[in-house]
Full PDB file with SEQRES, HELIX, SHEET, SSBOND, CRYST1, ORIGX, SCALE, CONECT and MASTER records, all heavy atoms in Angstrom:
SEQRES   1 A   36  TYR TYR LEU GLY SER TYR ALA ALA LEU VAL ALA HIS ASP          
SEQRES   2 A   36  LEU THR PRO ASP ILE ILE VAL GLY THR CYS GLY GLY SER          
SEQRES   3 A   36  LEU SER ALA TYR LEU VAL HIS LEU ALA PRO                      
HELIX    1 AA1 TYR A    2  ALA A   11  1                                  10    
HELIX    2 AA2 GLY A   24  LEU A   34  1                                  11    
CRYST1    1.000    1.000    1.000  90.00  90.00  90.00 P 1           1          
ORIGX1      1.000000  0.000000  0.000000        0.00000                         
ORIGX2      0.000000  1.000000  0.000000        0.00000                         
ORIGX3      0.000000  0.000000  1.000000        0.00000                         
SCALE1      1.000000  0.000000  0.000000        0.00000                         
SCALE2      0.000000  1.000000  0.000000        0.00000                         
SCALE3      0.000000  0.000000  1.000000        0.00000                         
ATOM      1  N   TYR A   1       0.451  -3.783  -8.841  1.00  0.00           N  
ATOM      2  CA  TYR A   1      -0.359  -4.805  -8.157  1.00  0.00           C  
ATOM      3  C   TYR A   1      -0.320  -4.632  -6.640  1.00  0.00           C  
ATOM      4  O   TYR A   1      -1.244  -5.058  -5.942  1.00  0.00           O  
ATOM      5  CB  TYR A   1       0.020  -6.223  -8.590  1.00  0.00           C  
ATOM      6  CG  TYR A   1       1.324  -6.810  -8.116  1.00  0.00           C  
ATOM      7  CD1 TYR A   1       1.467  -7.350  -6.841  1.00  0.00           C  
ATOM      8  CD2 TYR A   1       2.414  -6.903  -8.986  1.00  0.00           C  
ATOM      9  CE1 TYR A   1       2.654  -7.934  -6.431  1.00  0.00           C  
ATOM     10  CE2 TYR A   1       3.605  -7.496  -8.586  1.00  0.00           C  
ATOM     11  CZ  TYR A   1       3.728  -8.007  -7.304  1.00  0.00           C  
ATOM     12  OH  TYR A   1       4.903  -8.598  -6.912  1.00  0.00           O  
ATOM     13  N   TYR A   2       0.723  -3.988  -6.118  1.00  0.00           N  
ATOM     14  CA  TYR A   2       0.731  -3.691  -4.683  1.00  0.00           C  
ATOM     15  C   TYR A   2      -0.378  -2.713  -4.318  1.00  0.00           C  
ATOM     16  O   TYR A   2      -0.968  -2.795  -3.238  1.00  0.00           O  
ATOM     17  CB  TYR A   2       2.077  -3.103  -4.269  1.00  0.00           C  
ATOM     18  CG  TYR A   2       3.223  -4.060  -4.360  1.00  0.00           C  
ATOM     19  CD1 TYR A   2       4.335  -3.772  -5.148  1.00  0.00           C  
ATOM     20  CD2 TYR A   2       3.220  -5.260  -3.663  1.00  0.00           C  
ATOM     21  CE1 TYR A   2       5.404  -4.646  -5.235  1.00  0.00           C  
ATOM     22  CE2 TYR A   2       4.288  -6.145  -3.743  1.00  0.00           C  
ATOM     23  CZ  TYR A   2       5.372  -5.828  -4.542  1.00  0.00           C  
ATOM     24  OH  TYR A   2       6.414  -6.701  -4.626  1.00  0.00           O  
ATOM     25  N   LEU A   3      -0.648  -1.776  -5.210  1.00  0.00           N  
ATOM     26  CA  LEU A   3      -1.674  -0.776  -4.935  1.00  0.00           C  
ATOM     27  C   LEU A   3      -3.055  -1.427  -4.879  1.00  0.00           C  
ATOM     28  O   LEU A   3      -3.870  -1.119  -4.002  1.00  0.00           O  
ATOM     29  CB  LEU A   3      -1.634   0.320  -6.003  1.00  0.00           C  
ATOM     30  CG  LEU A   3      -0.268   0.990  -6.208  1.00  0.00           C  
ATOM     31  CD1 LEU A   3      -0.354   2.046  -7.295  1.00  0.00           C  
ATOM     32  CD2 LEU A   3       0.247   1.580  -4.905  1.00  0.00           C  
ATOM     33  N   GLY A   4      -3.318  -2.353  -5.808  1.00  0.00           N  
ATOM     34  CA  GLY A   4      -4.576  -3.083  -5.770  1.00  0.00           C  
ATOM     35  C   GLY A   4      -4.688  -3.964  -4.544  1.00  0.00           C  
ATOM     36  O   GLY A   4      -5.763  -4.079  -3.932  1.00  0.00           O  
ATOM     37  N   SER A   5      -3.583  -4.589  -4.153  1.00  0.00           N  
ATOM     38  CA  SER A   5      -3.579  -5.430  -2.957  1.00  0.00           C  
ATOM     39  C   SER A   5      -3.881  -4.603  -1.717  1.00  0.00           C  
ATOM     40  O   SER A   5      -4.687  -4.995  -0.863  1.00  0.00           O  
ATOM     41  CB  SER A   5      -2.226  -6.125  -2.821  1.00  0.00           C  
ATOM     42  OG  SER A   5      -2.167  -6.907  -1.646  1.00  0.00           O  
ATOM     43  N   TYR A   6      -3.230  -3.449  -1.617  1.00  0.00           N  
ATOM     44  CA  TYR A   6      -3.497  -2.537  -0.498  1.00  0.00           C  
ATOM     45  C   TYR A   6      -4.973  -2.150  -0.464  1.00  0.00           C  
ATOM     46  O   TYR A   6      -5.612  -2.148   0.607  1.00  0.00           O  
ATOM     47  CB  TYR A   6      -2.606  -1.301  -0.630  1.00  0.00           C  
ATOM     48  CG  TYR A   6      -3.041  -0.120   0.210  1.00  0.00           C  
ATOM     49  CD1 TYR A   6      -2.731  -0.049   1.559  1.00  0.00           C  
ATOM     50  CD2 TYR A   6      -3.772   0.932  -0.369  1.00  0.00           C  
ATOM     51  CE1 TYR A   6      -3.137   1.037   2.329  1.00  0.00           C  
ATOM     52  CE2 TYR A   6      -4.179   2.012   0.394  1.00  0.00           C  
ATOM     53  CZ  TYR A   6      -3.865   2.067   1.738  1.00  0.00           C  
ATOM     54  OH  TYR A   6      -4.271   3.129   2.492  1.00  0.00           O  
ATOM     55  N   ALA A   7      -5.547  -1.817  -1.630  1.00  0.00           N  
ATOM     56  CA  ALA A   7      -6.957  -1.420  -1.688  1.00  0.00           C  
ATOM     57  C   ALA A   7      -7.866  -2.548  -1.195  1.00  0.00           C  
ATOM     58  O   ALA A   7      -8.874  -2.293  -0.526  1.00  0.00           O  
ATOM     59  CB  ALA A   7      -7.325  -1.014  -3.116  1.00  0.00           C  
ATOM     60  N   ALA A   8      -7.523  -3.791  -1.509  1.00  0.00           N  
ATOM     61  CA  ALA A   8      -8.325  -4.926  -1.043  1.00  0.00           C  
ATOM     62  C   ALA A   8      -8.256  -5.056   0.477  1.00  0.00           C  
ATOM     63  O   ALA A   8      -9.265  -5.349   1.128  1.00  0.00           O  
ATOM     64  CB  ALA A   8      -7.851  -6.210  -1.722  1.00  0.00           C  
ATOM     65  N   LEU A   9      -7.082  -4.849   1.051  1.00  0.00           N  
ATOM     66  CA  LEU A   9      -6.963  -4.901   2.509  1.00  0.00           C  
ATOM     67  C   LEU A   9      -7.801  -3.802   3.155  1.00  0.00           C  
ATOM     68  O   LEU A   9      -8.485  -4.029   4.157  1.00  0.00           O  
ATOM     69  CB  LEU A   9      -5.493  -4.771   2.924  1.00  0.00           C  
ATOM     70  CG  LEU A   9      -4.570  -5.939   2.570  1.00  0.00           C  
ATOM     71  CD1 LEU A   9      -3.143  -5.639   3.028  1.00  0.00           C  
ATOM     72  CD2 LEU A   9      -5.051  -7.238   3.206  1.00  0.00           C  
ATOM     73  N   VAL A  10      -7.761  -2.602   2.578  1.00  0.00           N  
ATOM     74  CA  VAL A  10      -8.564  -1.502   3.108  1.00  0.00           C  
ATOM     75  C   VAL A  10     -10.052  -1.849   3.038  1.00  0.00           C  
ATOM     76  O   VAL A  10     -10.808  -1.636   3.993  1.00  0.00           O  
ATOM     77  CB  VAL A  10      -8.276  -0.200   2.332  1.00  0.00           C  
ATOM     78  CG1 VAL A  10      -9.239   0.909   2.766  1.00  0.00           C  
ATOM     79  CG2 VAL A  10      -6.829   0.253   2.545  1.00  0.00           C  
ATOM     80  N   ALA A  11     -10.476  -2.421   1.911  1.00  0.00           N  
ATOM     81  CA  ALA A  11     -11.891  -2.749   1.721  1.00  0.00           C  
ATOM     82  C   ALA A  11     -12.383  -3.795   2.710  1.00  0.00           C  
ATOM     83  O   ALA A  11     -13.581  -3.884   2.989  1.00  0.00           O  
ATOM     84  CB  ALA A  11     -12.117  -3.229   0.290  1.00  0.00           C  
ATOM     85  N   HIS A  12     -11.464  -4.595   3.246  1.00  0.00           N  
ATOM     86  CA  HIS A  12     -11.836  -5.658   4.185  1.00  0.00           C  
ATOM     87  C   HIS A  12     -11.412  -5.326   5.623  1.00  0.00           C  
ATOM     88  O   HIS A  12     -11.225  -6.222   6.451  1.00  0.00           O  
ATOM     89  CB  HIS A  12     -11.209  -6.987   3.741  1.00  0.00           C  
ATOM     90  CG  HIS A  12     -11.810  -7.534   2.487  1.00  0.00           C  
ATOM     91  ND1 HIS A  12     -11.411  -7.113   1.224  1.00  0.00           N  
ATOM     92  CD2 HIS A  12     -12.791  -8.464   2.289  1.00  0.00           C  
ATOM     93  CE1 HIS A  12     -12.111  -7.773   0.315  1.00  0.00           C  
ATOM     94  NE2 HIS A  12     -12.948  -8.586   0.924  1.00  0.00           N  
ATOM     95  N   ASP A  13     -11.271  -4.040   5.912  1.00  0.00           N  
ATOM     96  CA  ASP A  13     -10.933  -3.570   7.264  1.00  0.00           C  
ATOM     97  C   ASP A  13      -9.633  -4.165   7.785  1.00  0.00           C  
ATOM     98  O   ASP A  13      -9.498  -4.483   8.976  1.00  0.00           O  
ATOM     99  CB  ASP A  13     -12.069  -3.863   8.243  1.00  0.00           C  
ATOM    100  CG  ASP A  13     -13.342  -3.095   7.905  1.00  0.00           C  
ATOM    101  OD1 ASP A  13     -13.227  -1.929   7.478  1.00  0.00           O  
ATOM    102  OD2 ASP A  13     -14.439  -3.674   8.042  1.00  0.00           O  
ATOM    103  N   LEU A  14      -8.667  -4.318   6.898  1.00  0.00           N  
ATOM    104  CA  LEU A  14      -7.348  -4.829   7.274  1.00  0.00           C  
ATOM    105  C   LEU A  14      -6.264  -3.835   6.865  1.00  0.00           C  
ATOM    106  O   LEU A  14      -5.141  -4.209   6.522  1.00  0.00           O  
ATOM    107  CB  LEU A  14      -7.096  -6.184   6.597  1.00  0.00           C  
ATOM    108  CG  LEU A  14      -8.017  -7.334   7.026  1.00  0.00           C  
ATOM    109  CD1 LEU A  14      -7.864  -8.520   6.070  1.00  0.00           C  
ATOM    110  CD2 LEU A  14      -7.701  -7.767   8.456  1.00  0.00           C  
ATOM    111  N   THR A  15      -6.587  -2.565   6.903  1.00  0.00           N  
ATOM    112  CA  THR A  15      -5.664  -1.522   6.454  1.00  0.00           C  
ATOM    113  C   THR A  15      -4.311  -1.644   7.145  1.00  0.00           C  
ATOM    114  O   THR A  15      -4.251  -1.708   8.384  1.00  0.00           O  
ATOM    115  CB  THR A  15      -6.245  -0.128   6.740  1.00  0.00           C  
ATOM    116  OG1 THR A  15      -7.521  -0.011   6.102  1.00  0.00           O  
ATOM    117  CG2 THR A  15      -5.319   0.960   6.226  1.00  0.00           C  
ATOM    118  N   PRO A  16      -3.227  -1.686   6.392  1.00  0.00           N  
ATOM    119  CA  PRO A  16      -1.902  -1.754   7.026  1.00  0.00           C  
ATOM    120  C   PRO A  16      -1.620  -0.500   7.860  1.00  0.00           C  
ATOM    121  O   PRO A  16      -1.958   0.614   7.463  1.00  0.00           O  
ATOM    122  CB  PRO A  16      -0.943  -1.841   5.825  1.00  0.00           C  
ATOM    123  CG  PRO A  16      -1.783  -2.261   4.674  1.00  0.00           C  
ATOM    124  CD  PRO A  16      -3.149  -1.722   4.928  1.00  0.00           C  
ATOM    125  N   ASP A  17      -1.003  -0.710   9.001  1.00  0.00           N  
ATOM    126  CA  ASP A  17      -0.545   0.417   9.819  1.00  0.00           C  
ATOM    127  C   ASP A  17       0.821   0.900   9.355  1.00  0.00           C  
ATOM    128  O   ASP A  17       1.179   2.058   9.573  1.00  0.00           O  
ATOM    129  CB  ASP A  17      -0.460   0.002  11.291  1.00  0.00           C  
ATOM    130  CG  ASP A  17      -1.809  -0.459  11.818  1.00  0.00           C  
ATOM    131  OD1 ASP A  17      -2.752   0.348  11.805  1.00  0.00           O  
ATOM    132  OD2 ASP A  17      -1.922  -1.637  12.211  1.00  0.00           O  
ATOM    133  N   ILE A  18       1.568  -0.004   8.733  1.00  0.00           N  
ATOM    134  CA  ILE A  18       2.864   0.349   8.166  1.00  0.00           C  
ATOM    135  C   ILE A  18       3.097  -0.502   6.930  1.00  0.00           C  
ATOM    136  O   ILE A  18       2.713  -1.674   6.882  1.00  0.00           O  
ATOM    137  CB  ILE A  18       4.016   0.164   9.184  1.00  0.00           C  
ATOM    138  CG1 ILE A  18       5.349   0.642   8.579  1.00  0.00           C  
ATOM    139  CG2 ILE A  18       4.101  -1.266   9.678  1.00  0.00           C  
ATOM    140  CD1 ILE A  18       6.505   0.685   9.581  1.00  0.00           C  
ATOM    141  N   ILE A  19       3.699   0.115   5.929  1.00  0.00           N  
ATOM    142  CA  ILE A  19       4.105  -0.572   4.708  1.00  0.00           C  
ATOM    143  C   ILE A  19       5.621  -0.486   4.614  1.00  0.00           C  
ATOM    144  O   ILE A  19       6.200   0.595   4.796  1.00  0.00           O  
ATOM    145  CB  ILE A  19       3.465   0.061   3.463  1.00  0.00           C  
ATOM    146  CG1 ILE A  19       1.944  -0.143   3.482  1.00  0.00           C  
ATOM    147  CG2 ILE A  19       4.063  -0.517   2.180  1.00  0.00           C  
ATOM    148  CD1 ILE A  19       1.204   0.658   2.419  1.00  0.00           C  
ATOM    149  N   VAL A  20       6.264  -1.612   4.350  1.00  0.00           N  
ATOM    150  CA  VAL A  20       7.707  -1.641   4.139  1.00  0.00           C  
ATOM    151  C   VAL A  20       7.946  -1.907   2.660  1.00  0.00           C  
ATOM    152  O   VAL A  20       7.564  -2.958   2.139  1.00  0.00           O  
ATOM    153  CB  VAL A  20       8.393  -2.726   4.993  1.00  0.00           C  
ATOM    154  CG1 VAL A  20       9.909  -2.663   4.806  1.00  0.00           C  
ATOM    155  CG2 VAL A  20       8.032  -2.551   6.469  1.00  0.00           C  
ATOM    156  N   GLY A  21       8.556  -0.946   1.978  1.00  0.00           N  
ATOM    157  CA  GLY A  21       8.768  -1.049   0.537  1.00  0.00           C  
ATOM    158  C   GLY A  21      10.220  -1.275   0.183  1.00  0.00           C  
ATOM    159  O   GLY A  21      11.122  -0.699   0.804  1.00  0.00           O  
ATOM    160  N   THR A  22      10.436  -2.130  -0.812  1.00  0.00           N  
ATOM    161  CA  THR A  22      11.782  -2.357  -1.339  1.00  0.00           C  
ATOM    162  C   THR A  22      11.738  -2.291  -2.858  1.00  0.00           C  
ATOM    163  O   THR A  22      10.763  -2.692  -3.486  1.00  0.00           O  
ATOM    164  CB  THR A  22      12.353  -3.722  -0.913  1.00  0.00           C  
ATOM    165  OG1 THR A  22      11.485  -4.763  -1.387  1.00  0.00           O  
ATOM    166  CG2 THR A  22      12.463  -3.833   0.592  1.00  0.00           C  
ATOM    167  N   CYS A  23      12.807  -1.787  -3.452  1.00  0.00           N  
ATOM    168  CA  CYS A  23      12.947  -1.678  -4.912  1.00  0.00           C  
ATOM    169  C   CYS A  23      11.723  -0.983  -5.508  1.00  0.00           C  
ATOM    170  O   CYS A  23      11.324   0.066  -5.029  1.00  0.00           O  
ATOM    171  CB  CYS A  23      13.200  -3.058  -5.515  1.00  0.00           C  
ATOM    172  SG  CYS A  23      14.743  -3.800  -4.951  1.00  0.00           S  
ATOM    173  N   GLY A  24      11.096  -1.580  -6.543  1.00  0.00           N  
ATOM    174  CA  GLY A  24       9.921  -0.953  -7.140  1.00  0.00           C  
ATOM    175  C   GLY A  24       8.794  -0.764  -6.154  1.00  0.00           C  
ATOM    176  O   GLY A  24       7.979   0.163  -6.289  1.00  0.00           O  
ATOM    177  N   GLY A  25       8.737  -1.616  -5.145  1.00  0.00           N  
ATOM    178  CA  GLY A  25       7.712  -1.488  -4.117  1.00  0.00           C  
ATOM    179  C   GLY A  25       7.848  -0.219  -3.297  1.00  0.00           C  
ATOM    180  O   GLY A  25       6.870   0.235  -2.678  1.00  0.00           O  
ATOM    181  N   SER A  26       9.037   0.379  -3.284  1.00  0.00           N  
ATOM    182  CA  SER A  26       9.205   1.638  -2.549  1.00  0.00           C  
ATOM    183  C   SER A  26       8.429   2.761  -3.230  1.00  0.00           C  
ATOM    184  O   SER A  26       7.889   3.647  -2.552  1.00  0.00           O  
ATOM    185  CB  SER A  26      10.689   1.998  -2.438  1.00  0.00           C  
ATOM    186  OG  SER A  26      11.248   2.312  -3.711  1.00  0.00           O  
ATOM    187  N   LEU A  27       8.365   2.739  -4.565  1.00  0.00           N  
ATOM    188  CA  LEU A  27       7.565   3.728  -5.278  1.00  0.00           C  
ATOM    189  C   LEU A  27       6.087   3.533  -4.970  1.00  0.00           C  
ATOM    190  O   LEU A  27       5.350   4.503  -4.738  1.00  0.00           O  
ATOM    191  CB  LEU A  27       7.814   3.640  -6.784  1.00  0.00           C  
ATOM    192  CG  LEU A  27       6.979   4.584  -7.656  1.00  0.00           C  
ATOM    193  CD1 LEU A  27       7.220   6.043  -7.275  1.00  0.00           C  
ATOM    194  CD2 LEU A  27       7.290   4.358  -9.137  1.00  0.00           C  
ATOM    195  N   SER A  28       5.626   2.288  -4.941  1.00  0.00           N  
ATOM    196  CA  SER A  28       4.233   2.015  -4.573  1.00  0.00           C  
ATOM    197  C   SER A  28       3.932   2.520  -3.170  1.00  0.00           C  
ATOM    198  O   SER A  28       2.860   3.089  -2.915  1.00  0.00           O  
ATOM    199  CB  SER A  28       3.953   0.510  -4.654  1.00  0.00           C  
ATOM    200  OG  SER A  28       4.093   0.032  -5.964  1.00  0.00           O  
ATOM    201  N   ALA A  29       4.864   2.305  -2.246  1.00  0.00           N  
ATOM    202  CA  ALA A  29       4.663   2.772  -0.873  1.00  0.00           C  
ATOM    203  C   ALA A  29       4.533   4.291  -0.835  1.00  0.00           C  
ATOM    204  O   ALA A  29       3.704   4.838  -0.092  1.00  0.00           O  
ATOM    205  CB  ALA A  29       5.821   2.298   0.009  1.00  0.00           C  
ATOM    206  N   TYR A  30       5.337   4.976  -1.623  1.00  0.00           N  
ATOM    207  CA  TYR A  30       5.253   6.440  -1.686  1.00  0.00           C  
ATOM    208  C   TYR A  30       3.905   6.884  -2.237  1.00  0.00           C  
ATOM    209  O   TYR A  30       3.300   7.854  -1.748  1.00  0.00           O  
ATOM    210  CB  TYR A  30       6.397   6.982  -2.531  1.00  0.00           C  
ATOM    211  CG  TYR A  30       6.404   8.495  -2.660  1.00  0.00           C  
ATOM    212  CD1 TYR A  30       6.200   9.317  -1.554  1.00  0.00           C  
ATOM    213  CD2 TYR A  30       6.626   9.099  -3.896  1.00  0.00           C  
ATOM    214  CE1 TYR A  30       6.220  10.702  -1.678  1.00  0.00           C  
ATOM    215  CE2 TYR A  30       6.644  10.484  -4.028  1.00  0.00           C  
ATOM    216  CZ  TYR A  30       6.442  11.280  -2.918  1.00  0.00           C  
ATOM    217  OH  TYR A  30       6.451  12.650  -3.045  1.00  0.00           O  
ATOM    218  N   LEU A  31       3.394   6.183  -3.234  1.00  0.00           N  
ATOM    219  CA  LEU A  31       2.092   6.529  -3.791  1.00  0.00           C  
ATOM    220  C   LEU A  31       0.988   6.368  -2.748  1.00  0.00           C  
ATOM    221  O   LEU A  31       0.075   7.200  -2.665  1.00  0.00           O  
ATOM    222  CB  LEU A  31       1.800   5.664  -5.023  1.00  0.00           C  
ATOM    223  CG  LEU A  31       2.763   5.823  -6.203  1.00  0.00           C  
ATOM    224  CD1 LEU A  31       2.378   4.879  -7.340  1.00  0.00           C  
ATOM    225  CD2 LEU A  31       2.797   7.264  -6.699  1.00  0.00           C  
ATOM    226  N   VAL A  32       1.064   5.314  -1.940  1.00  0.00           N  
ATOM    227  CA  VAL A  32       0.083   5.140  -0.857  1.00  0.00           C  
ATOM    228  C   VAL A  32       0.209   6.276   0.153  1.00  0.00           C  
ATOM    229  O   VAL A  32      -0.790   6.781   0.673  1.00  0.00           O  
ATOM    230  CB  VAL A  32       0.256   3.770  -0.174  1.00  0.00           C  
ATOM    231  CG1 VAL A  32      -0.619   3.673   1.073  1.00  0.00           C  
ATOM    232  CG2 VAL A  32      -0.078   2.641  -1.145  1.00  0.00           C  
ATOM    233  N   HIS A  33       1.429   6.687   0.437  1.00  0.00           N  
ATOM    234  CA  HIS A  33       1.644   7.808   1.353  1.00  0.00           C  
ATOM    235  C   HIS A  33       0.953   9.067   0.836  1.00  0.00           C  
ATOM    236  O   HIS A  33       0.343   9.813   1.611  1.00  0.00           O  
ATOM    237  CB  HIS A  33       3.143   8.056   1.508  1.00  0.00           C  
ATOM    238  CG  HIS A  33       3.490   9.312   2.252  1.00  0.00           C  
ATOM    239  ND1 HIS A  33       3.367   9.436   3.619  1.00  0.00           N  
ATOM    240  CD2 HIS A  33       3.944  10.523   1.800  1.00  0.00           C  
ATOM    241  CE1 HIS A  33       3.738  10.659   3.995  1.00  0.00           C  
ATOM    242  NE2 HIS A  33       4.078  11.336   2.910  1.00  0.00           N  
ATOM    243  N   LEU A  34       1.034   9.294  -0.457  1.00  0.00           N  
ATOM    244  CA  LEU A  34       0.422  10.490  -1.044  1.00  0.00           C  
ATOM    245  C   LEU A  34      -1.092  10.386  -1.114  1.00  0.00           C  
ATOM    246  O   LEU A  34      -1.794  11.386  -0.987  1.00  0.00           O  
ATOM    247  CB  LEU A  34       0.983  10.718  -2.455  1.00  0.00           C  
ATOM    248  CG  LEU A  34       2.459  11.084  -2.563  1.00  0.00           C  
ATOM    249  CD1 LEU A  34       2.883  11.133  -4.024  1.00  0.00           C  
ATOM    250  CD2 LEU A  34       2.746  12.417  -1.879  1.00  0.00           C  
ATOM    251  N   ALA A  35      -1.603   9.189  -1.339  1.00  0.00           N  
ATOM    252  CA  ALA A  35      -3.038   9.003  -1.565  1.00  0.00           C  
ATOM    253  C   ALA A  35      -3.516   7.742  -0.854  1.00  0.00           C  
ATOM    254  O   ALA A  35      -3.741   6.710  -1.495  1.00  0.00           O  
ATOM    255  CB  ALA A  35      -3.327   8.926  -3.065  1.00  0.00           C  
ATOM    256  N   PRO A  36      -3.677   7.779   0.454  1.00  0.00           N  
ATOM    257  CA  PRO A  36      -4.046   6.564   1.194  1.00  0.00           C  
ATOM    258  C   PRO A  36      -5.456   6.062   0.914  1.00  0.00           C  
ATOM    259  O   PRO A  36      -5.735   4.880   1.105  1.00  0.00           O  
ATOM    260  CB  PRO A  36      -3.882   6.974   2.660  1.00  0.00           C  
ATOM    261  CG  PRO A  36      -3.986   8.465   2.652  1.00  0.00           C  
ATOM    262  CD  PRO A  36      -3.400   8.916   1.357  1.00  0.00           C  
TER     263      PRO A  36                                                      
MASTER        0    0    0    2    0    0    0    6  262    1    0    3          
END                                                                             
């Protein structure tokens, strides 16, 4: 669900400049790094 949330921010010109990931969210952050 973090990946979908990120995509919504991108779609509304609110792309994060930095993502801070913890626990399972760290894997999501890595996936965004690979495929922004």
